[in-house]
Protein backbone atom coordinates (compact mmCIF):
# COMPACT_ATOMS: atom_id res chain seq x y z
CA MET A 1 5.09 -108.18 -8.77
CA ASP A 2 4.78 -107.60 -4.96
CA GLU A 3 2.48 -105.07 -3.50
CA THR A 4 4.95 -102.08 -3.58
CA ASN A 5 5.34 -102.36 -7.39
CA ARG A 6 1.56 -102.55 -8.01
CA ARG A 7 1.22 -99.54 -5.71
CA LEU A 8 3.81 -97.62 -7.53
CA ARG A 9 2.26 -98.34 -10.88
CA GLN A 10 -1.22 -97.09 -9.45
CA ALA A 11 0.30 -94.11 -7.96
CA ARG A 12 1.83 -92.98 -11.18
CA LYS A 13 -1.39 -93.60 -13.04
CA ASP A 14 -3.40 -91.50 -10.34
CA ALA A 15 -0.82 -88.80 -10.77
CA GLY A 16 -1.76 -88.68 -14.58
CA PHE A 17 1.07 -90.36 -16.19
CA ASP A 18 -0.58 -92.89 -18.38
CA THR A 19 2.77 -94.78 -19.02
CA ALA A 20 6.01 -95.27 -17.15
CA THR A 21 7.85 -93.42 -19.93
CA GLU A 22 5.73 -90.31 -19.38
CA ALA A 23 6.84 -90.14 -15.67
CA ILE A 24 10.44 -91.16 -16.50
CA GLU A 25 10.75 -88.32 -18.87
CA HIS A 26 9.00 -85.63 -16.69
CA PHE A 27 11.06 -86.35 -13.70
CA GLU A 28 14.33 -87.31 -15.62
CA TRP A 29 14.55 -90.53 -13.71
CA GLU A 30 16.82 -93.38 -14.95
CA ALA A 31 14.61 -95.27 -17.05
CA SER A 32 15.78 -98.93 -16.24
CA ALA A 33 15.84 -98.33 -12.61
CA TYR A 34 12.30 -97.06 -12.47
CA ARG A 35 11.02 -99.85 -14.74
CA SER A 36 12.61 -102.48 -12.28
CA HIS A 37 10.78 -100.97 -9.61
CA GLU A 38 7.48 -100.69 -11.15
CA GLY A 39 7.92 -104.00 -13.05
CA GLY A 40 8.51 -106.05 -9.89
CA GLN A 41 12.25 -106.93 -10.64
CA THR A 42 13.39 -104.83 -7.57
CA SER A 43 11.03 -104.12 -4.63
CA LEU A 44 10.87 -100.85 -3.09
CA ARG A 45 10.82 -102.33 0.27
CA ARG A 46 14.62 -102.59 0.06
CA LEU A 47 14.88 -99.02 -1.26
CA PRO A 48 12.90 -96.67 1.18
CA ASP A 49 14.95 -93.56 0.00
CA ARG A 50 13.68 -94.19 -3.64
CA ALA A 51 10.23 -94.94 -2.51
CA GLU A 52 10.21 -91.50 -0.79
CA ILE A 53 11.34 -89.81 -4.02
CA TYR A 54 8.44 -91.51 -6.04
CA ALA A 55 5.90 -90.84 -3.36
CA LYS A 56 6.79 -86.94 -3.50
CA ALA A 57 6.63 -86.99 -6.97
CA PHE A 58 3.21 -88.93 -7.17
CA ASN A 59 1.91 -87.07 -4.14
CA VAL A 60 1.13 -90.20 -1.85
CA ASP A 61 2.64 -91.18 1.53
CA THR A 62 5.81 -93.08 1.48
CA ALA A 63 4.07 -95.54 3.87
CA TYR A 64 1.44 -96.30 1.31
CA LEU A 65 4.18 -97.21 -1.24
CA LEU A 66 5.87 -99.42 1.20
CA GLY A 67 2.80 -101.31 2.06
CA HIS A 68 2.62 -99.93 5.62
CA GLN A 69 -0.82 -98.32 5.12
CA ASP A 70 -3.73 -99.04 2.86
CA VAL A 71 -4.77 -95.55 2.12
CA PRO A 72 -2.66 -93.46 -0.45
CA ARG A 73 -3.31 -90.28 1.51
CA LEU A 74 -1.87 -87.37 -0.09
CA THR A 75 1.20 -85.81 1.42
CA ARG A 76 0.73 -82.13 0.46
CA PRO A 77 -2.19 -79.76 0.09
CA LEU A 78 -3.67 -79.48 -3.34
CA LYS A 79 -4.46 -75.67 -3.18
CA PRO A 80 -1.85 -73.15 -4.29
CA ASP A 81 -1.29 -70.30 -2.12
CA ARG A 82 -0.31 -67.58 -4.44
CA PRO A 83 -0.85 -66.65 -7.95
CA ASP A 84 1.44 -67.54 -10.74
CA GLY A 85 0.71 -64.47 -12.93
CA GLU A 86 -1.21 -61.44 -13.40
CA LYS A 87 -3.35 -60.29 -16.34
CA ILE A 88 -1.89 -57.28 -17.88
CA ASN A 89 -3.05 -54.72 -20.58
CA ILE A 90 -0.82 -55.11 -23.59
CA ASP A 91 -1.12 -51.24 -24.20
CA GLU A 92 1.01 -50.71 -21.03
CA LEU A 93 3.87 -52.37 -22.66
CA GLU A 94 6.67 -50.68 -24.94
CA PRO A 95 5.12 -49.95 -28.48
CA HIS A 96 7.03 -52.72 -30.19
CA GLN A 97 6.19 -55.28 -27.58
CA ALA A 98 2.31 -54.28 -27.76
CA ARG A 99 2.52 -54.47 -31.61
CA ALA A 100 3.96 -57.94 -31.58
CA LEU A 101 1.48 -59.38 -28.94
CA GLY A 102 -1.34 -57.64 -30.59
CA ALA A 103 -0.53 -59.34 -33.93
CA VAL A 104 -0.59 -62.64 -32.12
CA MET A 105 -3.89 -62.08 -30.31
CA ALA A 106 -5.57 -60.48 -33.45
CA GLY A 107 -8.88 -62.31 -34.11
CA MET A 108 -8.87 -64.58 -31.18
CA LYS A 109 -10.25 -64.49 -27.59
CA ALA A 110 -7.09 -64.19 -25.70
CA GLU A 111 -5.54 -62.63 -22.74
CA ALA A 112 -1.87 -61.45 -21.95
CA TRP A 113 -0.46 -62.53 -18.60
CA ARG A 114 2.84 -61.61 -16.66
CA ILE A 115 4.52 -64.41 -15.07
CA THR A 116 5.03 -63.64 -11.41
CA SER A 117 6.21 -66.88 -10.01
CA ASP A 118 8.91 -69.37 -10.73
CA MET A 119 6.21 -72.29 -11.22
CA MET A 120 7.15 -72.19 -14.94
CA ALA A 121 10.90 -72.32 -14.65
CA GLY A 122 10.85 -76.05 -15.88
CA LEU A 123 10.39 -74.54 -19.29
CA PRO A 124 11.93 -71.38 -20.53
CA TYR A 125 9.29 -69.10 -18.52
CA LEU A 126 10.53 -66.76 -16.06
CA PRO A 127 9.16 -64.10 -13.77
CA GLY A 128 8.58 -61.10 -15.98
CA ASP A 129 8.01 -62.96 -19.16
CA VAL A 130 4.58 -62.18 -20.87
CA VAL A 131 2.46 -65.06 -22.22
CA ILE A 132 -0.71 -65.01 -24.48
CA VAL A 133 -3.50 -67.31 -23.25
CA ASP A 134 -5.98 -68.51 -25.93
CA LEU A 135 -9.29 -68.63 -24.07
CA ALA A 136 -11.10 -70.64 -26.71
CA ALA A 137 -8.41 -73.30 -27.05
CA ARG A 138 -9.07 -76.76 -25.53
CA PRO A 139 -6.03 -78.11 -23.80
CA LYS A 140 -4.09 -81.17 -24.96
CA PRO A 141 -1.83 -83.44 -22.83
CA ARG A 142 1.31 -81.53 -22.03
CA ASP A 143 0.09 -78.00 -23.09
CA VAL A 144 0.59 -75.40 -20.51
CA VAL A 145 -2.60 -73.90 -19.27
CA LEU A 146 -3.77 -71.05 -17.33
CA ALA A 147 -6.29 -72.39 -14.64
CA GLU A 148 -7.93 -71.08 -11.44
CA SER A 149 -7.78 -73.09 -8.19
CA SER A 150 -9.75 -71.45 -5.38
CA LYS A 151 -9.64 -68.19 -7.42
CA ILE A 152 -5.83 -68.19 -7.70
CA PRO A 153 -4.55 -67.91 -11.18
CA ILE A 154 -2.08 -70.82 -11.71
CA PHE A 155 -0.03 -72.11 -14.69
CA ARG A 156 0.48 -75.83 -14.95
CA VAL A 157 0.91 -78.57 -17.62
CA TYR A 158 -2.26 -80.20 -18.50
CA THR A 159 -3.08 -84.01 -18.31
CA PRO A 160 -6.72 -85.39 -18.30
CA MET A 161 -6.00 -86.54 -14.82
CA GLY A 162 -4.39 -83.42 -13.37
CA LEU A 163 -2.38 -80.19 -13.68
CA PHE A 164 1.32 -80.65 -13.14
CA PRO A 165 3.80 -78.14 -12.08
CA LEU A 166 6.97 -77.76 -14.24
CA GLN A 167 9.20 -78.29 -11.20
CA MET A 168 8.00 -80.61 -8.45
CA SER A 169 8.48 -79.69 -4.74
CA GLY A 170 6.09 -79.62 -1.77
CA GLN A 171 5.10 -76.09 -2.59
CA ASN A 172 3.73 -77.09 -6.06
CA PRO A 173 1.88 -80.43 -6.04
CA PRO A 174 -0.11 -81.90 -8.98
CA ILE A 175 -3.66 -80.84 -8.79
CA PRO A 176 -6.67 -82.92 -9.86
CA VAL A 177 -8.56 -81.40 -13.10
CA ASP A 178 -11.79 -81.64 -10.90
CA ASN A 179 -10.24 -79.13 -8.55
CA VAL A 180 -9.63 -76.39 -11.02
CA GLN A 181 -11.12 -74.20 -13.81
CA ILE A 182 -9.17 -74.21 -17.00
CA LYS A 183 -9.22 -70.80 -18.46
CA GLY A 184 -7.09 -71.33 -21.82
CA VAL A 185 -3.99 -72.42 -23.24
CA VAL A 186 -0.65 -70.65 -23.34
CA ILE A 187 0.15 -70.16 -27.13
CA PHE A 188 3.01 -67.63 -26.99
CA LYS A 189 5.65 -66.18 -24.94
CA LEU A 190 7.66 -62.92 -24.79
CA SER A 191 10.74 -62.49 -22.66
CA ILE A 192 10.82 -59.04 -21.31
């Protein structure tokens, strides 16, 4: 294994993907190609375009993956700039919707939130949908959680290493768990 392959493996782990399979499934990459890059059969030095894709996904500089610099400097800021949702009062919804959500929330410490961004579009969550967040639940890997980053409410997929967006781009990078306050776990969705 050359340095690029070791760096790719470390970048994946630092991004919160314990196994190559988790990253492959999350990003929908071709499994044998990724495994050959991380496993050392194919060096990323010969594939700078592919290295750039991995660098963006794992939030490191392409130059780091290719061995041109020693520090895996983050390529994007880790703070979201706008909220992903707004807290709502279910009594403001249509009566049948309020009853359905009230039944879900009965007996639990929960809040209703309206999705306001496309951050959850990787799953069947769209702007306008209402989700119930269980404030007492402890997140498990791959749960969708409500968190606060710099007092901005965000929805992300939880891993012990970080919170990941449901669609990767420069505007929605992974966020280390240490940089956020997890408020609760999404347990229910109502499309409106």
